[in-house]
Amino acid sequence: LKVIAIDEQLRVIYEDNVHFDKDLPEFKTQGGVYIHSDRLTVTSPVLMWVKALDMILEKMKSSGFNFSQVRALSGAGQQHGSVYWKKGSIQILKNASSQLPLHQSLKACFSVGNSPIWMDSSTASQCSALEKAVGGAQCLAGITGSRAYERFTGNQIAKIYSQNPEVYMQTERISLVSSFAASLFLGAYAPIDYSDGSGMNLLQIWEKVWSASCLDACAPGLEEKLGCPVPSHSVLGPISPYYCQRYGFSPDCKVVAFTGDNPASLAGMRLQEGDIAISLGTSDTLFLWIQEPTPALEGHILCNPVDSRTYMALLCFKNGSLMRERIRDDCASGSWDEFSKALSSTAAGNNGNLGFYFDVMEITPEAVGIHRFNRDNQKVVSDFPKEVEIRALIEGQFMAKRIHAEKLGYKVSKYDGKS
């Protein structure tokens, strides 16, 4: 859990963090999560998140941080994860005593103690059922922006309903991680925002309302438990009196809707229409600002957190830096300098030699293995010469990014040389 305070010039004046494993060892998490014995189910304890918030605010207080000057707060949460509030919890949240840390007041508030999170992949059967209910994977993508994914919240809710219907019935509100965190500050159930709500397989991204056919396929009475979604930049209301009394926040401090980590990245990088951002990591991720999206079976279309009339697209490529590092080790003696020199020594277009490099099963598209082709589009069985291999890898990876972005509606404009 991280906190950053900025002033009106956007200068960082305070930052700190709580490390779940190290600072909250009593929860016995690894990487902030529990990986269950089936290796598919992955959860995080809800009270650990609440206790982390208590801890970070206490750290700020003891450092002399002046809470009374905070005019507004907002936040980002890991996408797809969900929190299940037990019936009657709204009263406990609203009337929490400022004499107690919040995790003590809320300890009996959750019908599901361990929240399913984005790493979970235990809902394959629910995904199939959801796609079938709406007429197939492409139809679901056309409604919600994505085909059914195991980590997406609707499928997680369907699993809880099918395995523990009584737990589902005891639940009065289901929050995303982002709206859950906002609820803690608001002292009331915060609505889900359009952008994070687009990662649930439940929101009609065009009309910005819950899809009745998707809700019905997941669980009964679900709309009531989700509440009405709102634009991502909505001011939800003033901070709960709990924080004024315990930490000295001003009662005028506003809580702005929280959103998911991916939408927050688009906002934080200040992308504008036509912009594209690429994060080169273990997995490579593309963020795009799109006016007229065309949802596909690969990638995700989400409502744009900055401008509710437009959209953002998200594409994830599993074979990222590890693949580049392996080719660097094989073809450039493990040196990035040699790798760069080899790349510069070959012509753009690589004389028609092209390669697709997937050491692990790729998600965009679903494929594995090394596939090389020459200028006549014939498959090449042996390795390319080292410098050709390096360019084939880089060009192949970036052409794939462009092609999949265009499939989702991104329009590549001609470079005008002015920027």
Protein backbone atom coordinates (compact mmCIF):
# COMPACT_ATOMS: atom_id res chain seq x y z
CA LEU A 1 0.00 0.00 0.00
CA LYS A 2 1.50 3.33 -1.06
CA VAL A 3 0.62 6.92 -0.21
CA ILE A 4 1.73 10.08 -2.01
CA ALA A 5 0.78 13.65 -1.05
CA ILE A 6 1.27 16.42 -3.62
CA ASP A 7 0.86 20.19 -3.40
CA GLU A 8 -0.93 22.50 -5.85
CA GLN A 9 2.21 22.59 -8.06
CA LEU A 10 2.09 18.76 -8.24
CA ARG A 11 5.30 18.53 -6.18
CA VAL A 12 5.56 15.40 -4.04
CA ILE A 13 5.64 16.50 -0.39
CA TYR A 14 5.21 13.11 1.30
CA GLU A 15 5.42 9.47 0.33
CA ASP A 16 5.49 6.20 2.21
CA ASN A 17 4.40 2.59 1.92
CA VAL A 18 3.40 -0.50 3.87
CA HIS A 19 4.84 -3.83 2.68
CA PHE A 20 2.22 -6.52 3.30
CA ASP A 21 4.58 -9.48 3.90
CA LYS A 22 7.17 -7.58 5.94
CA ASP A 23 5.04 -5.09 7.90
CA LEU A 24 2.02 -7.35 8.46
CA PRO A 25 3.64 -10.78 9.00
CA GLU A 26 0.67 -11.99 11.06
CA PHE A 27 -1.29 -12.51 7.80
CA LYS A 28 1.42 -14.88 6.48
CA THR A 29 1.05 -13.77 2.86
CA GLN A 30 3.64 -14.20 0.12
CA GLY A 31 3.73 -11.21 -2.21
CA GLY A 32 0.61 -9.98 -0.40
CA VAL A 33 -1.41 -13.04 -1.47
CA TYR A 34 -2.32 -16.62 -0.62
CA ILE A 35 -1.80 -19.14 -3.43
CA HIS A 36 -4.15 -22.03 -2.61
CA SER A 37 -3.30 -25.73 -2.94
CA ASP A 38 -5.00 -26.02 -6.37
CA ARG A 39 -2.45 -23.41 -7.65
CA LEU A 40 -5.37 -21.71 -9.43
CA THR A 41 -7.12 -19.93 -6.55
CA VAL A 42 -5.33 -16.77 -5.39
CA THR A 43 -6.72 -14.50 -2.66
CA SER A 44 -5.75 -11.70 -0.27
CA PRO A 45 -7.10 -11.20 3.27
CA VAL A 46 -9.39 -8.15 3.32
CA LEU A 47 -8.47 -7.20 6.89
CA MET A 48 -4.80 -7.02 5.86
CA TRP A 49 -5.71 -4.21 3.45
CA VAL A 50 -7.67 -2.39 6.18
CA LYS A 51 -4.87 -2.82 8.71
CA ALA A 52 -2.34 -1.54 6.14
CA LEU A 53 -4.43 1.65 5.80
CA ASP A 54 -4.50 2.08 9.59
CA MET A 55 -0.74 1.55 9.69
CA ILE A 56 0.13 4.02 6.94
CA LEU A 57 -2.07 6.77 8.42
CA GLU A 58 -0.51 6.21 11.86
CA LYS A 59 2.96 6.48 10.27
CA MET A 60 1.95 9.78 8.66
CA LYS A 61 0.54 11.05 11.95
CA SER A 62 3.69 10.23 13.93
CA SER A 63 5.84 11.91 11.25
CA GLY A 64 3.90 15.16 11.88
CA PHE A 65 1.99 15.17 8.58
CA ASN A 66 -0.65 17.94 8.58
CA PHE A 67 -3.87 16.18 7.55
CA SER A 68 -5.94 19.37 7.94
CA GLN A 69 -4.41 20.75 4.73
CA VAL A 70 -5.57 17.84 2.56
CA ARG A 71 -8.22 19.19 0.18
CA ALA A 72 -9.07 15.97 -1.66
CA LEU A 73 -7.97 12.37 -1.92
CA SER A 74 -8.33 9.59 -4.45
CA GLY A 75 -6.65 6.31 -5.18
CA ALA A 76 -6.05 3.31 -7.41
CA GLY A 77 -6.55 -0.35 -6.61
CA GLN A 78 -5.50 -3.59 -8.30
CA GLN A 79 -8.09 -4.35 -10.98
CA HIS A 80 -10.63 -7.21 -10.86
CA GLY A 81 -10.32 -8.06 -7.12
CA SER A 82 -13.56 -7.98 -5.12
CA VAL A 83 -14.70 -7.41 -1.53
CA TYR A 84 -17.93 -8.81 -0.05
CA TRP A 85 -19.65 -6.75 2.67
CA LYS A 86 -21.90 -8.66 5.06
CA LYS A 87 -25.48 -7.49 5.69
CA GLY A 88 -25.53 -4.67 8.26
CA SER A 89 -21.92 -3.58 7.59
CA ILE A 90 -22.93 -0.15 6.29
CA GLN A 91 -23.94 0.90 9.82
CA ILE A 92 -20.64 -0.30 11.32
CA LEU A 93 -18.69 1.52 8.58
CA LYS A 94 -20.68 4.71 9.07
CA ASN A 95 -20.43 4.72 12.87
CA ALA A 96 -16.87 3.43 13.38
CA SER A 97 -15.40 4.76 16.63
CA SER A 98 -12.42 7.05 16.13
CA GLN A 99 -10.96 5.56 19.34
CA LEU A 100 -10.30 2.28 17.50
CA PRO A 101 -8.21 1.44 14.45
CA LEU A 102 -10.52 0.69 11.54
CA HIS A 103 -9.54 -2.98 11.20
CA GLN A 104 -10.86 -3.64 14.71
CA SER A 105 -14.24 -2.04 13.98
CA LEU A 106 -14.63 -3.86 10.64
CA LYS A 107 -13.39 -7.32 11.61
CA ALA A 108 -16.85 -8.95 11.34
CA CYS A 109 -17.98 -7.02 8.25
CA PHE A 110 -16.96 -9.32 5.41
CA SER A 111 -18.89 -12.38 4.23
CA VAL A 112 -15.78 -13.51 2.30
CA GLY A 113 -12.64 -13.06 4.40
CA ASN A 114 -10.18 -13.72 1.59
CA SER A 115 -10.84 -11.68 -1.54
CA PRO A 116 -10.31 -13.21 -4.98
CA ILE A 117 -7.75 -11.09 -6.84
CA TRP A 118 -6.37 -10.57 -10.37
CA MET A 119 -3.96 -13.52 -10.13
CA ASP A 120 -6.82 -16.02 -9.68
CA SER A 121 -7.51 -18.41 -12.57
CA SER A 122 -9.99 -20.81 -10.95
CA THR A 123 -13.17 -19.79 -12.84
CA ALA A 124 -12.84 -21.50 -16.24
CA SER A 125 -16.30 -23.08 -16.02
CA GLN A 126 -17.93 -19.75 -15.07
CA CYS A 127 -16.21 -18.06 -18.04
CA SER A 128 -17.60 -20.67 -20.46
CA ALA A 129 -21.09 -20.32 -18.98
CA LEU A 130 -21.02 -16.52 -19.25
CA GLU A 131 -19.87 -16.54 -22.90
CA LYS A 132 -22.49 -19.14 -23.75
CA ALA A 133 -25.26 -17.13 -22.03
CA VAL A 134 -24.67 -14.04 -24.19
CA GLY A 135 -24.04 -15.76 -27.53
CA GLY A 136 -20.29 -16.36 -27.52
CA ALA A 137 -16.95 -14.76 -26.71
CA GLN A 138 -17.15 -12.05 -29.40
CA CYS A 139 -20.67 -11.06 -28.29
CA LEU A 140 -19.45 -10.72 -24.69
CA ALA A 141 -16.52 -8.56 -25.87
CA GLY A 142 -19.00 -6.45 -27.85
CA ILE A 143 -21.02 -5.77 -24.67
CA THR A 144 -18.34 -5.53 -21.95
CA GLY A 145 -15.12 -4.77 -23.87
CA SER A 146 -13.51 -8.17 -23.20
CA ARG A 147 -14.26 -11.84 -23.71
CA ALA A 148 -14.61 -13.81 -20.44
CA TYR A 149 -11.43 -13.85 -18.36
CA GLU A 150 -10.96 -15.95 -15.23
CA ARG A 151 -9.71 -13.01 -13.16
CA PHE A 152 -12.65 -10.75 -14.12
CA THR A 153 -15.00 -10.01 -11.26
CA GLY A 154 -18.27 -11.27 -12.73
CA ASN A 155 -16.84 -14.78 -13.07
CA GLN A 156 -15.46 -14.63 -9.52
CA ILE A 157 -18.89 -13.60 -8.20
CA ALA A 158 -20.50 -16.48 -10.18
CA LYS A 159 -18.07 -18.93 -8.56
CA ILE A 160 -18.88 -17.67 -5.05
CA TYR A 161 -22.62 -17.88 -5.77
CA SER A 162 -22.39 -21.42 -7.17
CA GLN A 163 -20.09 -22.76 -4.42
CA ASN A 164 -21.45 -20.82 -1.40
CA PRO A 165 -24.95 -19.49 -2.18
CA GLU A 166 -25.56 -18.74 1.52
CA VAL A 167 -22.42 -16.54 1.65
CA TYR A 168 -23.63 -14.69 -1.46
CA MET A 169 -27.08 -14.19 0.10
CA GLN A 170 -25.48 -12.75 3.28
CA THR A 171 -23.66 -10.14 1.14
CA GLU A 172 -25.28 -6.71 0.89
CA ARG A 173 -22.62 -5.02 -1.25
CA ILE A 174 -19.82 -6.13 -3.56
CA SER A 175 -16.98 -3.65 -4.05
CA LEU A 176 -13.98 -3.70 -6.33
CA VAL A 177 -10.65 -3.18 -4.51
CA SER A 178 -10.73 0.46 -5.67
CA SER A 179 -14.29 1.23 -4.55
CA PHE A 180 -13.64 -0.71 -1.32
CA ALA A 181 -10.73 1.61 -0.46
CA ALA A 182 -12.86 4.65 -1.35
CA SER A 183 -15.63 3.28 0.92
CA LEU A 184 -13.23 3.20 3.89
CA PHE A 185 -12.55 6.94 3.46
CA LEU A 186 -16.17 7.82 2.70
CA GLY A 187 -17.70 5.93 5.64
CA ALA A 188 -20.30 4.63 3.17
CA TYR A 189 -20.37 2.30 0.18
CA ALA A 190 -18.56 4.07 -2.65
CA PRO A 191 -19.82 3.40 -6.17
CA ILE A 192 -17.74 1.47 -8.71
CA ASP A 193 -16.31 3.80 -11.38
CA TYR A 194 -16.90 3.21 -15.11
CA SER A 195 -13.25 2.51 -15.87
CA ASP A 196 -12.50 -0.10 -13.20
CA GLY A 197 -16.03 -1.45 -13.71
CA SER A 198 -15.04 -2.26 -17.31
CA GLY A 199 -12.80 -5.06 -15.97
CA MET A 200 -15.66 -7.16 -14.62
CA ASN A 201 -17.34 -8.68 -17.74
CA LEU A 202 -20.51 -7.03 -16.39
CA LEU A 203 -20.62 -3.39 -17.56
CA GLN A 204 -22.06 -2.36 -20.92
CA ILE A 205 -19.19 -0.08 -21.88
CA TRP A 206 -21.25 1.88 -24.43
CA GLU A 207 -24.24 2.78 -22.24
CA LYS A 208 -22.23 2.71 -18.97
CA VAL A 209 -24.86 0.55 -17.23
CA TRP A 210 -24.75 -3.03 -15.93
CA SER A 211 -25.65 -5.60 -18.59
CA ALA A 212 -28.80 -7.47 -17.50
CA SER A 213 -27.85 -10.60 -19.48
CA CYS A 214 -24.36 -10.72 -17.91
CA LEU A 215 -25.68 -10.09 -14.38
CA ASP A 216 -28.31 -12.83 -14.79
CA ALA A 217 -25.68 -15.29 -16.02
CA CYS A 218 -23.54 -14.69 -12.92
CA ALA A 219 -25.88 -14.53 -9.91
CA PRO A 220 -29.41 -13.43 -8.90
CA GLY A 221 -30.04 -9.96 -7.42
CA LEU A 222 -26.57 -8.81 -8.44
CA GLU A 223 -27.42 -5.30 -9.65
CA GLU A 224 -28.56 -4.28 -6.18
CA LYS A 225 -25.32 -5.56 -4.64
CA LEU A 226 -23.17 -3.60 -7.13
CA GLY A 227 -24.88 -0.20 -6.91
CA CYS A 228 -24.87 2.36 -9.76
CA PRO A 229 -21.53 2.96 -11.54
CA VAL A 230 -20.23 6.54 -11.84
CA PRO A 231 -17.68 8.49 -13.96
CA SER A 232 -14.12 7.89 -12.73
CA HIS A 233 -13.54 11.54 -11.82
CA SER A 234 -16.74 11.92 -9.73
CA VAL A 235 -16.52 13.68 -6.37
CA LEU A 236 -18.21 11.16 -4.07
CA GLY A 237 -18.60 13.39 -1.01
CA PRO A 238 -16.73 14.60 2.10
CA ILE A 239 -14.38 12.37 4.09
CA SER A 240 -15.90 10.35 6.95
CA PRO A 241 -15.91 12.10 10.38
CA TYR A 242 -13.82 9.15 11.64
CA TYR A 243 -10.72 10.60 9.89
CA CYS A 244 -11.40 14.15 11.09
CA GLN A 245 -11.58 12.96 14.71
CA ARG A 246 -8.72 10.43 14.60
CA TYR A 247 -6.22 12.14 12.28
CA GLY A 248 -7.32 15.77 12.02
CA PHE A 249 -8.55 15.80 8.40
CA SER A 250 -10.68 18.83 7.46
CA PRO A 251 -14.40 17.98 7.19
CA ASP A 252 -14.24 19.75 3.78
CA CYS A 253 -11.76 17.19 2.39
CA LYS A 254 -13.38 15.56 -0.66
CA VAL A 255 -13.18 11.90 -1.66
CA VAL A 256 -12.90 11.48 -5.45
CA ALA A 257 -13.83 8.11 -7.00
CA PHE A 258 -10.99 5.60 -6.88
CA THR A 259 -10.22 3.59 -10.04
CA GLY A 260 -8.18 0.56 -11.15
CA ASP A 261 -4.39 0.51 -11.45
CA ASN A 262 -4.42 0.25 -15.26
CA PRO A 263 -6.84 3.18 -15.83
CA ALA A 264 -4.84 5.16 -13.25
CA SER A 265 -1.69 4.53 -15.29
CA LEU A 266 -3.36 6.03 -18.37
CA ALA A 267 -4.39 9.08 -16.32
CA GLY A 268 -1.04 9.35 -14.56
CA MET A 269 0.91 9.26 -17.84
CA ARG A 270 -1.37 12.06 -19.10
CA LEU A 271 -2.15 10.26 -22.34
CA GLN A 272 -4.35 12.09 -24.82
CA GLU A 273 -6.32 11.04 -27.88
CA GLY A 274 -4.13 9.11 -30.30
CA ASP A 275 -1.39 8.53 -27.71
CA ILE A 276 0.03 5.10 -27.02
CA ALA A 277 2.16 4.06 -24.04
CA ILE A 278 4.20 0.88 -23.88
CA SER A 279 5.40 -0.64 -20.62
CA LEU A 280 8.30 -3.01 -21.33
CA GLY A 281 8.41 -5.46 -18.45
CA THR A 282 8.34 -9.21 -17.81
CA SER A 283 5.07 -8.84 -19.71
CA ASP A 284 4.75 -5.96 -22.17
CA THR A 285 1.63 -3.83 -21.75
CA LEU A 286 0.12 -1.33 -24.17
CA PHE A 287 -2.15 1.51 -23.09
CA LEU A 288 -4.09 3.30 -25.83
CA TRP A 289 -6.52 6.23 -25.86
CA ILE A 290 -9.22 5.30 -28.39
CA GLN A 291 -12.21 7.24 -29.72
CA GLU A 292 -14.03 4.45 -31.57
CA PRO A 293 -12.98 1.04 -30.26
CA THR A 294 -13.71 -2.32 -31.87
CA PRO A 295 -13.58 -4.96 -29.10
CA ALA A 296 -11.78 -8.16 -30.13
CA LEU A 297 -11.09 -11.57 -28.62
CA GLU A 298 -7.61 -10.36 -27.64
CA GLY A 299 -7.06 -7.32 -25.43
CA HIS A 300 -9.48 -5.23 -23.41
CA ILE A 301 -11.54 -2.10 -24.03
CA LEU A 302 -12.24 -0.04 -20.89
CA CYS A 303 -14.07 3.23 -20.36
CA ASN A 304 -11.53 6.06 -20.29
CA PRO A 305 -10.99 7.38 -16.71
CA VAL A 306 -10.16 10.91 -17.90
CA ASP A 307 -12.93 11.39 -20.49
CA SER A 308 -16.03 9.22 -20.04
CA ARG A 309 -17.03 9.70 -23.70
CA THR A 310 -13.91 7.93 -24.95
CA TYR A 311 -12.18 4.62 -24.29
CA MET A 312 -8.85 3.07 -23.44
CA ALA A 313 -7.51 -0.20 -24.70
CA LEU A 314 -5.20 -2.53 -22.88
CA LEU A 315 -3.10 -5.21 -24.52
CA CYS A 316 -0.85 -7.57 -22.62
CA PHE A 317 1.95 -9.63 -24.20
CA LYS A 318 3.38 -12.31 -21.94
CA ASN A 319 6.68 -12.83 -23.82
CA GLY A 320 8.30 -9.51 -23.00
CA SER A 321 11.65 -8.78 -21.38
CA LEU A 322 12.50 -12.42 -20.59
CA MET A 323 12.29 -13.25 -24.30
CA ARG A 324 14.45 -10.24 -25.22
CA GLU A 325 16.98 -11.19 -22.55
CA ARG A 326 17.22 -14.77 -23.84
CA ILE A 327 17.94 -13.60 -27.41
CA ARG A 328 20.44 -11.09 -25.98
CA ASP A 329 22.20 -13.93 -24.14
CA ASP A 330 22.13 -16.26 -27.18
CA CYS A 331 23.06 -13.70 -29.85
CA ALA A 332 24.91 -10.85 -28.11
CA SER A 333 26.96 -12.52 -25.32
CA GLY A 334 24.54 -11.17 -22.71
CA SER A 335 25.41 -7.54 -23.54
CA TRP A 336 22.79 -4.88 -24.35
CA ASP A 337 25.51 -2.80 -26.06
CA GLU A 338 26.28 -5.66 -28.44
CA PHE A 339 22.56 -6.25 -28.91
CA SER A 340 22.04 -2.56 -29.87
CA LYS A 341 25.03 -2.59 -32.27
CA ALA A 342 23.72 -5.72 -33.98
CA LEU A 343 20.27 -4.14 -34.29
CA SER A 344 21.77 -0.97 -35.83
CA SER A 345 23.83 -3.00 -38.30
CA THR A 346 20.72 -4.40 -40.05
CA ALA A 347 18.25 -2.51 -42.24
CA ALA A 348 14.69 -1.74 -41.18
CA GLY A 349 12.48 -4.47 -42.59
CA ASN A 350 15.24 -7.05 -42.02
CA ASN A 351 15.26 -7.92 -45.78
CA GLY A 352 11.88 -9.58 -45.26
CA ASN A 353 13.03 -11.91 -42.45
CA LEU A 354 10.49 -12.05 -39.65
CA GLY A 355 10.16 -13.99 -36.39
CA PHE A 356 7.58 -14.66 -33.68
CA TYR A 357 9.24 -15.59 -30.39
CA PHE A 358 7.09 -17.18 -27.67
CA ASP A 359 9.05 -19.08 -24.99
CA VAL A 360 5.89 -19.35 -22.88
CA MET A 361 2.27 -19.60 -24.01
CA GLU A 362 1.41 -16.14 -25.33
CA ILE A 363 -1.96 -14.54 -24.57
CA THR A 364 -1.97 -12.13 -27.54
CA PRO A 365 -2.35 -14.33 -29.63
CA GLU A 366 -2.62 -17.77 -28.01
CA ALA A 367 0.55 -19.35 -29.44
CA VAL A 368 3.84 -20.84 -28.30
CA GLY A 369 7.22 -21.60 -29.86
CA ILE A 370 9.69 -19.83 -32.19
CA HIS A 371 8.41 -19.22 -35.73
CA ARG A 372 10.73 -17.75 -38.40
CA PHE A 373 9.82 -16.72 -41.96
CA ASN A 374 11.92 -15.45 -44.88
CA ARG A 375 11.08 -12.79 -47.49
CA ASP A 376 9.13 -15.36 -49.57
CA ASN A 377 6.95 -16.14 -46.52
CA GLN A 378 8.51 -19.62 -46.22
CA LYS A 379 9.07 -21.09 -42.79
CA VAL A 380 12.76 -21.14 -41.75
CA VAL A 381 13.71 -24.08 -39.55
CA SER A 382 17.27 -23.11 -38.57
CA ASP A 383 18.28 -20.00 -36.57
CA PHE A 384 18.75 -16.72 -38.39
CA PRO A 385 22.25 -15.14 -38.34
CA LYS A 386 22.64 -13.41 -34.96
CA GLU A 387 22.06 -9.80 -36.10
CA VAL A 388 19.07 -10.91 -38.23
CA GLU A 389 17.66 -12.84 -35.25
CA ILE A 390 17.87 -9.72 -33.04
CA ARG A 391 16.07 -7.50 -35.55
CA ALA A 392 13.48 -10.22 -36.28
CA LEU A 393 12.68 -10.37 -32.56
CA ILE A 394 12.35 -6.59 -32.06
CA GLU A 395 10.44 -5.92 -35.28
CA GLY A 396 8.20 -8.95 -34.71
CA GLN A 397 7.32 -7.84 -31.18
CA PHE A 398 6.54 -4.27 -32.19
CA MET A 399 4.63 -5.16 -35.36
CA ALA A 400 2.49 -7.50 -33.24
CA LYS A 401 1.78 -4.61 -30.85
CA ARG A 402 0.76 -2.35 -33.75
CA ILE A 403 -1.42 -4.98 -35.47
CA HIS A 404 -3.31 -5.89 -32.28
CA ALA A 405 -3.73 -2.19 -31.40
CA GLU A 406 -5.21 -1.52 -34.84
CA LYS A 407 -7.57 -4.49 -34.43
CA LEU A 408 -8.95 -2.76 -31.32
CA GLY A 409 -9.57 0.47 -33.22
CA TYR A 410 -6.28 2.37 -32.79
CA LYS A 411 -5.45 4.52 -35.83
CA VAL A 412 -1.76 4.99 -36.58
CA SER A 413 -1.24 8.47 -37.99
CA LYS A 414 1.56 9.46 -40.37
CA TYR A 415 4.58 11.02 -38.67
CA ASP A 416 4.64 14.72 -39.62
CA GLY A 417 8.16 15.43 -38.37
CA LYS A 418 6.98 18.36 -36.24
CA SER A 419 7.11 16.82 -32.78
